[in-house]
Amino acid sequence: MNGEIIKNLNKILPVVERVHSDHHPELHQVAALYAELKQNPSREVFDKLRDVTKNYTLPEDACQAYAKVYNMLEELDKAFV
């Protein structure tokens, strides 16, 4: 997996989860699935991520960091072979 994306997600995702999870509890699942990806990348985990994020669709109140998280996850998903 892309090292630069992983590095950025490791920094940004915990902050987005902390700030937005009251209104978007699915971020807890996103963070857990991301942690699972780092341990054992698989198509199954990406399938679950797409399901939880509704194919990486941003909520209306998503900030720039939230959008960046979903964009990076989607990029990892598309690059996974």
PDB file of N, CA and C in Angstrom:
ATOM      1  N   MET A   1       0.835  -1.184   0.000  1.00  0.00           N
ATOM      2  CA  MET A   1       0.000   0.000   0.000  1.00  0.00           C
ATOM      3  C   MET A   1       0.877   1.244   0.000  1.00  0.00           C
ATOM      4  N   ASN A   2       0.323   2.311  -0.445  1.00  0.00           N
ATOM      5  CA  ASN A   2       1.049   3.573  -0.601  1.00  0.00           C
ATOM      6  C   ASN A   2       1.486   4.133   0.752  1.00  0.00           C
ATOM      7  N   GLY A   3       2.781   4.205   0.957  1.00  0.00           N
ATOM      8  CA  GLY A   3       3.335   4.643   2.236  1.00  0.00           C
ATOM      9  C   GLY A   3       2.967   6.066   2.612  1.00  0.00           C
ATOM     10  N   GLU A   4       2.929   6.957   1.624  1.00  0.00           N
ATOM     11  CA  GLU A   4       2.591   8.362   1.896  1.00  0.00           C
ATOM     12  C   GLU A   4       1.131   8.488   2.351  1.00  0.00           C
ATOM     13  N   ILE A   5       0.250   7.751   1.706  1.00  0.00           N
ATOM     14  CA  ILE A   5      -1.165   7.788   2.101  1.00  0.00           C
ATOM     15  C   ILE A   5      -1.319   7.230   3.507  1.00  0.00           C
ATOM     16  N   ILE A   6      -0.656   6.130   3.796  1.00  0.00           N
ATOM     17  CA  ILE A   6      -0.725   5.523   5.125  1.00  0.00           C
ATOM     18  C   ILE A   6      -0.244   6.520   6.179  1.00  0.00           C
ATOM     19  N   LYS A   7       0.870   7.174   5.896  1.00  0.00           N
ATOM     20  CA  LYS A   7       1.425   8.167   6.824  1.00  0.00           C
ATOM     21  C   LYS A   7       0.407   9.283   7.093  1.00  0.00           C
ATOM     22  N   ASN A   8      -0.219   9.790   6.044  1.00  0.00           N
ATOM     23  CA  ASN A   8      -1.219  10.850   6.197  1.00  0.00           C
ATOM     24  C   ASN A   8      -2.472  10.363   6.920  1.00  0.00           C
ATOM     25  N   LEU A   9      -2.939   9.184   6.574  1.00  0.00           N
ATOM     26  CA  LEU A   9      -4.123   8.642   7.254  1.00  0.00           C
ATOM     27  C   LEU A   9      -3.860   8.418   8.733  1.00  0.00           C
ATOM     28  N   ASN A  10      -2.665   7.968   9.058  1.00  0.00           N
ATOM     29  CA  ASN A  10      -2.323   7.744  10.467  1.00  0.00           C
ATOM     30  C   ASN A  10      -2.421   9.035  11.272  1.00  0.00           C
ATOM     31  N   LYS A  11      -2.147  10.167  10.630  1.00  0.00           N
ATOM     32  CA  LYS A  11      -2.231  11.461  11.309  1.00  0.00           C
ATOM     33  C   LYS A  11      -3.658  12.008  11.331  1.00  0.00           C
ATOM     34  N   ILE A  12      -4.331  11.946  10.196  1.00  0.00           N
ATOM     35  CA  ILE A  12      -5.603  12.646  10.031  1.00  0.00           C
ATOM     36  C   ILE A  12      -6.806  11.856  10.536  1.00  0.00           C
ATOM     37  N   LEU A  13      -6.850  10.556  10.266  1.00  0.00           N
ATOM     38  CA  LEU A  13      -8.040   9.775  10.620  1.00  0.00           C
ATOM     39  C   LEU A  13      -8.382   9.829  12.104  1.00  0.00           C
ATOM     40  N   PRO A  14      -7.428   9.684  13.022  1.00  0.00           N
ATOM     41  CA  PRO A  14      -7.791   9.764  14.445  1.00  0.00           C
ATOM     42  C   PRO A  14      -8.405  11.116  14.826  1.00  0.00           C
ATOM     43  N   VAL A  15      -7.938  12.181  14.210  1.00  0.00           N
ATOM     44  CA  VAL A  15      -8.477  13.515  14.507  1.00  0.00           C
ATOM     45  C   VAL A  15      -9.898  13.633  13.966  1.00  0.00           C
ATOM     46  N   VAL A  16     -10.101  13.214  12.731  1.00  0.00           N
ATOM     47  CA  VAL A  16     -11.441  13.272  12.126  1.00  0.00           C
ATOM     48  C   VAL A  16     -12.407  12.407  12.932  1.00  0.00           C
ATOM     49  N   GLU A  17     -11.957  11.235  13.328  1.00  0.00           N
ATOM     50  CA  GLU A  17     -12.821  10.358  14.134  1.00  0.00           C
ATOM     51  C   GLU A  17     -13.191  11.042  15.451  1.00  0.00           C
ATOM     52  N   ARG A  18     -12.223  11.607  16.126  1.00  0.00           N
ATOM     53  CA  ARG A  18     -12.476  12.250  17.415  1.00  0.00           C
ATOM     54  C   ARG A  18     -13.433  13.445  17.275  1.00  0.00           C
ATOM     55  N   VAL A  19     -13.217  14.265  16.261  1.00  0.00           N
ATOM     56  CA  VAL A  19     -13.984  15.497  16.102  1.00  0.00           C
ATOM     57  C   VAL A  19     -15.403  15.241  15.577  1.00  0.00           C
ATOM     58  N   HIS A  20     -15.549  14.270  14.688  1.00  0.00           N
ATOM     59  CA  HIS A  20     -16.826  14.104  13.986  1.00  0.00           C
ATOM     60  C   HIS A  20     -17.648  12.879  14.381  1.00  0.00           C
ATOM     61  N   SER A  21     -17.117  12.006  15.213  1.00  0.00           N
ATOM     62  CA  SER A  21     -17.826  10.749  15.475  1.00  0.00           C
ATOM     63  C   SER A  21     -19.125  10.915  16.259  1.00  0.00           C
ATOM     64  N   ASP A  22     -19.303  12.021  16.977  1.00  0.00           N
ATOM     65  CA  ASP A  22     -20.584  12.232  17.658  1.00  0.00           C
ATOM     66  C   ASP A  22     -21.726  12.296  16.651  1.00  0.00           C
ATOM     67  N   HIS A  23     -21.481  12.950  15.524  1.00  0.00           N
ATOM     68  CA  HIS A  23     -22.501  13.071  14.487  1.00  0.00           C
ATOM     69  C   HIS A  23     -22.370  12.006  13.400  1.00  0.00           C
ATOM     70  N   HIS A  24     -21.221  11.355  13.358  1.00  0.00           N
ATOM     71  CA  HIS A  24     -20.955  10.335  12.341  1.00  0.00           C
ATOM     72  C   HIS A  24     -20.308   9.112  13.001  1.00  0.00           C
ATOM     73  N   PRO A  25     -21.099   8.332  13.727  1.00  0.00           N
ATOM     74  CA  PRO A  25     -20.544   7.181  14.453  1.00  0.00           C
ATOM     75  C   PRO A  25     -19.909   6.133  13.542  1.00  0.00           C
ATOM     76  N   GLU A  26     -20.243   6.164  12.262  1.00  0.00           N
ATOM     77  CA  GLU A  26     -19.627   5.221  11.326  1.00  0.00           C
ATOM     78  C   GLU A  26     -18.116   5.411  11.237  1.00  0.00           C
ATOM     79  N   LEU A  27     -17.628   6.568  11.671  1.00  0.00           N
ATOM     80  CA  LEU A  27     -16.180   6.811  11.653  1.00  0.00           C
ATOM     81  C   LEU A  27     -15.433   5.854  12.574  1.00  0.00           C
ATOM     82  N   HIS A  28     -16.098   5.365  13.620  1.00  0.00           N
ATOM     83  CA  HIS A  28     -15.456   4.356  14.475  1.00  0.00           C
ATOM     84  C   HIS A  28     -15.210   3.080  13.670  1.00  0.00           C
ATOM     85  N   GLN A  29     -16.185   2.701  12.849  1.00  0.00           N
ATOM     86  CA  GLN A  29     -16.026   1.523  11.998  1.00  0.00           C
ATOM     87  C   GLN A  29     -14.943   1.771  10.946  1.00  0.00           C
ATOM     88  N   VAL A  30     -14.948   2.956  10.370  1.00  0.00           N
ATOM     89  CA  VAL A  30     -13.936   3.299   9.364  1.00  0.00           C
ATOM     90  C   VAL A  30     -12.537   3.168   9.975  1.00  0.00           C
ATOM     91  N   ALA A  31     -12.360   3.706  11.168  1.00  0.00           N
ATOM     92  CA  ALA A  31     -11.050   3.637  11.826  1.00  0.00           C
ATOM     93  C   ALA A  31     -10.664   2.191  12.135  1.00  0.00           C
ATOM     94  N   ALA A  32     -11.617   1.401  12.591  1.00  0.00           N
ATOM     95  CA  ALA A  32     -11.336  -0.010  12.900  1.00  0.00           C
ATOM     96  C   ALA A  32     -10.975  -0.783  11.630  1.00  0.00           C
ATOM     97  N   LEU A  33     -11.689  -0.533  10.559  1.00  0.00           N
ATOM     98  CA  LEU A  33     -11.390  -1.211   9.301  1.00  0.00           C
ATOM     99  C   LEU A  33     -10.050  -0.768   8.739  1.00  0.00           C
ATOM    100  N   TYR A  34      -9.725   0.499   8.901  1.00  0.00           N
ATOM    101  CA  TYR A  34      -8.421   0.986   8.457  1.00  0.00           C
ATOM    102  C   TYR A  34      -7.304   0.286   9.240  1.00  0.00           C
ATOM    103  N   ALA A  35      -7.486   0.155  10.541  1.00  0.00           N
ATOM    104  CA  ALA A  35      -6.491  -0.550  11.362  1.00  0.00           C
ATOM    105  C   ALA A  35      -6.340  -1.994  10.885  1.00  0.00           C
ATOM    106  N   GLU A  36      -7.460  -2.611  10.534  1.00  0.00           N
ATOM    107  CA  GLU A  36      -7.423  -3.980  10.018  1.00  0.00           C
ATOM    108  C   GLU A  36      -6.675  -4.035   8.682  1.00  0.00           C
ATOM    109  N   LEU A  37      -6.886  -3.034   7.846  1.00  0.00           N
ATOM    110  CA  LEU A  37      -6.183  -2.972   6.554  1.00  0.00           C
ATOM    111  C   LEU A  37      -4.678  -2.922   6.732  1.00  0.00           C
ATOM    112  N   LYS A  38      -4.251  -2.174   7.719  1.00  0.00           N
ATOM    113  CA  LYS A  38      -2.804  -2.045   7.943  1.00  0.00           C
ATOM    114  C   LYS A  38      -2.201  -3.376   8.370  1.00  0.00           C
ATOM    115  N   GLN A  39      -2.972  -4.168   9.093  1.00  0.00           N
ATOM    116  CA  GLN A  39      -2.487  -5.470   9.550  1.00  0.00           C
ATOM    117  C   GLN A  39      -2.600  -6.539   8.465  1.00  0.00           C
ATOM    118  N   ASN A  40      -3.728  -6.503   7.741  1.00  0.00           N
ATOM    119  CA  ASN A  40      -4.008  -7.559   6.782  1.00  0.00           C
ATOM    120  C   ASN A  40      -4.824  -6.988   5.620  1.00  0.00           C
ATOM    121  N   PRO A  41      -4.159  -6.315   4.679  1.00  0.00           N
ATOM    122  CA  PRO A  41      -4.891  -5.742   3.555  1.00  0.00           C
ATOM    123  C   PRO A  41      -5.600  -6.830   2.754  1.00  0.00           C
ATOM    124  N   SER A  42      -6.884  -6.636   2.507  1.00  0.00           N
ATOM    125  CA  SER A  42      -7.639  -7.617   1.730  1.00  0.00           C
ATOM    126  C   SER A  42      -8.812  -6.948   1.033  1.00  0.00           C
ATOM    127  N   ARG A  43      -9.277  -7.568  -0.010  1.00  0.00           N
ATOM    128  CA  ARG A  43     -10.428  -7.065  -0.756  1.00  0.00           C
ATOM    129  C   ARG A  43     -11.658  -7.048   0.155  1.00  0.00           C
ATOM    130  N   GLU A  44     -11.766  -8.016   1.037  1.00  0.00           N
ATOM    131  CA  GLU A  44     -12.903  -8.094   1.949  1.00  0.00           C
ATOM    132  C   GLU A  44     -12.994  -6.854   2.841  1.00  0.00           C
ATOM    133  N   VAL A  45     -11.867  -6.398   3.346  1.00  0.00           N
ATOM    134  CA  VAL A  45     -11.865  -5.206   4.203  1.00  0.00           C
ATOM    135  C   VAL A  45     -12.246  -3.972   3.387  1.00  0.00           C
ATOM    136  N   PHE A  46     -11.731  -3.870   2.179  1.00  0.00           N
ATOM    137  CA  PHE A  46     -12.116  -2.739   1.331  1.00  0.00           C
ATOM    138  C   PHE A  46     -13.611  -2.792   0.998  1.00  0.00           C
ATOM    139  N   ASP A  47     -14.145  -3.988   0.795  1.00  0.00           N
ATOM    140  CA  ASP A  47     -15.591  -4.122   0.553  1.00  0.00           C
ATOM    141  C   ASP A  47     -16.380  -3.581   1.738  1.00  0.00           C
ATOM    142  N   LYS A  48     -15.938  -3.911   2.939  1.00  0.00           N
ATOM    143  CA  LYS A  48     -16.606  -3.416   4.145  1.00  0.00           C
ATOM    144  C   LYS A  48     -16.481  -1.896   4.254  1.00  0.00           C
ATOM    145  N   LEU A  49     -15.309  -1.373   3.926  1.00  0.00           N
ATOM    146  CA  LEU A  49     -15.108   0.084   3.956  1.00  0.00           C
ATOM    147  C   LEU A  49     -16.051   0.784   2.985  1.00  0.00           C
ATOM    148  N   ARG A  50     -16.182   0.230   1.777  1.00  0.00           N
ATOM    149  CA  ARG A  50     -17.090   0.831   0.807  1.00  0.00           C
ATOM    150  C   ARG A  50     -18.522   0.794   1.308  1.00  0.00           C
ATOM    151  N   ASP A  51     -18.880  -0.271   1.968  1.00  0.00           N
ATOM    152  CA  ASP A  51     -20.231  -0.393   2.507  1.00  0.00           C
ATOM    153  C   ASP A  51     -20.473   0.649   3.609  1.00  0.00           C
ATOM    154  N   VAL A  52     -19.563   0.739   4.556  1.00  0.00           N
ATOM    155  CA  VAL A  52     -19.700   1.664   5.693  1.00  0.00           C
ATOM    156  C   VAL A  52     -19.707   3.120   5.228  1.00  0.00           C
ATOM    157  N   THR A  53     -18.897   3.438   4.222  1.00  0.00           N
ATOM    158  CA  THR A  53     -18.778   4.825   3.752  1.00  0.00           C
ATOM    159  C   THR A  53     -19.724   5.141   2.594  1.00  0.00           C
ATOM    160  N   LYS A  54     -20.564   4.181   2.248  1.00  0.00           N
ATOM    161  CA  LYS A  54     -21.465   4.348   1.091  1.00  0.00           C
ATOM    162  C   LYS A  54     -20.658   4.744  -0.151  1.00  0.00           C
ATOM    163  N   ASN A  55     -19.653   3.917  -0.423  1.00  0.00           N
ATOM    164  CA  ASN A  55     -18.742   4.137  -1.550  1.00  0.00           C
ATOM    165  C   ASN A  55     -18.005   5.469  -1.446  1.00  0.00           C
ATOM    166  N   TYR A  56     -17.563   5.764  -0.247  1.00  0.00           N
ATOM    167  CA  TYR A  56     -16.756   6.958   0.035  1.00  0.00           C
ATOM    168  C   TYR A  56     -17.527   8.257  -0.257  1.00  0.00           C
ATOM    169  N   THR A  57     -18.830   8.213  -0.028  1.00  0.00           N
ATOM    170  CA  THR A  57     -19.672   9.392  -0.207  1.00  0.00           C
ATOM    171  C   THR A  57     -19.595  10.254   1.042  1.00  0.00           C
ATOM    172  N   LEU A  58     -19.262  11.514   0.846  1.00  0.00           N
ATOM    173  CA  LEU A  58     -19.104  12.432   1.980  1.00  0.00           C
ATOM    174  C   LEU A  58     -20.448  12.928   2.487  1.00  0.00           C
ATOM    175  N   PRO A  59     -20.583  13.049   3.805  1.00  0.00           N
ATOM    176  CA  PRO A  59     -21.790  13.679   4.332  1.00  0.00           C
ATOM    177  C   PRO A  59     -21.772  15.175   4.002  1.00  0.00           C
ATOM    178  N   GLU A  60     -22.927  15.789   4.051  1.00  0.00           N
ATOM    179  CA  GLU A  60     -23.034  17.206   3.692  1.00  0.00           C
ATOM    180  C   GLU A  60     -22.162  18.108   4.557  1.00  0.00           C
ATOM    181  N   ASP A  61     -21.975  17.726   5.815  1.00  0.00           N
ATOM    182  CA  ASP A  61     -21.220  18.577   6.732  1.00  0.00           C
ATOM    183  C   ASP A  61     -19.737  18.206   6.832  1.00  0.00           C
ATOM    184  N   ALA A  62     -19.249  17.458   5.859  1.00  0.00           N
ATOM    185  CA  ALA A  62     -17.846  17.023   5.894  1.00  0.00           C
ATOM    186  C   ALA A  62     -16.899  18.205   5.706  1.00  0.00           C
ATOM    187  N   CYS A  63     -15.894  18.253   6.558  1.00  0.00           N
ATOM    188  CA  CYS A  63     -14.865  19.284   6.431  1.00  0.00           C
ATOM    189  C   CYS A  63     -13.800  18.794   5.450  1.00  0.00           C
ATOM    190  N   GLN A  64     -12.825  19.627   5.220  1.00  0.00           N
ATOM    191  CA  GLN A  64     -11.755  19.307   4.280  1.00  0.00           C
ATOM    192  C   GLN A  64     -10.961  18.066   4.732  1.00  0.00           C
ATOM    193  N   ALA A  65     -10.698  17.943   6.017  1.00  0.00           N
ATOM    194  CA  ALA A  65      -9.948  16.787   6.524  1.00  0.00           C
ATOM    195  C   ALA A  65     -10.750  15.501   6.363  1.00  0.00           C
ATOM    196  N   TYR A  66     -12.051  15.571   6.633  1.00  0.00           N
ATOM    197  CA  TYR A  66     -12.938  14.422   6.467  1.00  0.00           C
ATOM    198  C   TYR A  66     -12.886  13.971   5.001  1.00  0.00           C
ATOM    199  N   ALA A  67     -13.008  14.927   4.093  1.00  0.00           N
ATOM    200  CA  ALA A  67     -12.956  14.623   2.662  1.00  0.00           C
ATOM    201  C   ALA A  67     -11.619  13.991   2.285  1.00  0.00           C
ATOM    202  N   LYS A  68     -10.554  14.505   2.857  1.00  0.00           N
ATOM    203  CA  LYS A  68      -9.225  13.970   2.549  1.00  0.00           C
ATOM    204  C   LYS A  68      -9.113  12.505   2.992  1.00  0.00           C
ATOM    205  N   VAL A  69      -9.657  12.181   4.164  1.00  0.00           N
ATOM    206  CA  VAL A  69      -9.633  10.799   4.654  1.00  0.00           C
ATOM    207  C   VAL A  69     -10.348   9.882   3.663  1.00  0.00           C
ATOM    208  N   TYR A  70     -11.562  10.250   3.273  1.00  0.00           N
ATOM    209  CA  TYR A  70     -12.315   9.407   2.348  1.00  0.00           C
ATOM    210  C   TYR A  70     -11.614   9.309   0.998  1.00  0.00           C
ATOM    211  N   ASN A  71     -11.043  10.408   0.525  1.00  0.00           N
ATOM    212  CA  ASN A  71     -10.332  10.381  -0.757  1.00  0.00           C
ATOM    213  C   ASN A  71      -9.117   9.463  -0.705  1.00  0.00           C
ATOM    214  N   MET A  72      -8.376   9.521   0.392  1.00  0.00           N
ATOM    215  CA  MET A  72      -7.193   8.661   0.516  1.00  0.00           C
ATOM    216  C   MET A  72      -7.594   7.189   0.645  1.00  0.00           C
ATOM    217  N   LEU A  73      -8.644   6.909   1.395  1.00  0.00           N
ATOM    218  CA  LEU A  73      -9.111   5.527   1.507  1.00  0.00           C
ATOM    219  C   LEU A  73      -9.565   4.999   0.144  1.00  0.00           C
ATOM    220  N   GLU A  74     -10.264   5.835  -0.590  1.00  0.00           N
ATOM    221  CA  GLU A  74     -10.711   5.427  -1.920  1.00  0.00           C
ATOM    222  C   GLU A  74      -9.518   5.192  -2.849  1.00  0.00           C
ATOM    223  N   GLU A  75      -8.512   6.026  -2.746  1.00  0.00           N
ATOM    224  CA  GLU A  75      -7.308   5.851  -3.564  1.00  0.00           C
ATOM    225  C   GLU A  75      -6.620   4.521  -3.238  1.00  0.00           C
ATOM    226  N   LEU A  76      -6.519   4.196  -1.959  1.00  0.00           N
ATOM    227  CA  LEU A  76      -5.951   2.903  -1.557  1.00  0.00           C
ATOM    228  C   LEU A  76      -6.773   1.758  -2.109  1.00  0.00           C
ATOM    229  N   ASP A  77      -8.081   1.910  -2.027  1.00  0.00           N
ATOM    230  CA  ASP A  77      -9.000   0.881  -2.510  1.00  0.00           C
ATOM    231  C   ASP A  77      -8.783   0.645  -4.004  1.00  0.00           C
ATOM    232  N   LYS A  78      -8.752   1.706  -4.773  1.00  0.00           N
ATOM    233  CA  LYS A  78      -8.589   1.567  -6.227  1.00  0.00           C
ATOM    234  C   LYS A  78      -7.231   0.987  -6.611  1.00  0.00           C
ATOM    235  N   ALA A  79      -6.217   1.262  -5.804  1.00  0.00           N
ATOM    236  CA  ALA A  79      -4.871   0.781  -6.120  1.00  0.00           C
ATOM    237  C   ALA A  79      -4.636  -0.660  -5.643  1.00  0.00           C
ATOM    238  N   PHE A  80      -5.522  -1.156  -4.770  1.00  0.00           N
ATOM    239  CA  PHE A  80      -5.320  -2.514  -4.234  1.00  0.00           C
ATOM    240  C   PHE A  80      -5.563  -3.548  -5.293  1.00  0.00           C
ATOM    241  N   VAL A  81      -4.614  -4.453  -5.435  1.00  0.00           N
ATOM    242  CA  VAL A  81      -4.732  -5.520  -6.422  1.00  0.00           C
ATOM    243  C   VAL A  81      -4.736  -6.850  -5.718  1.00  0.00           C
TER     244      VAL A  81
END
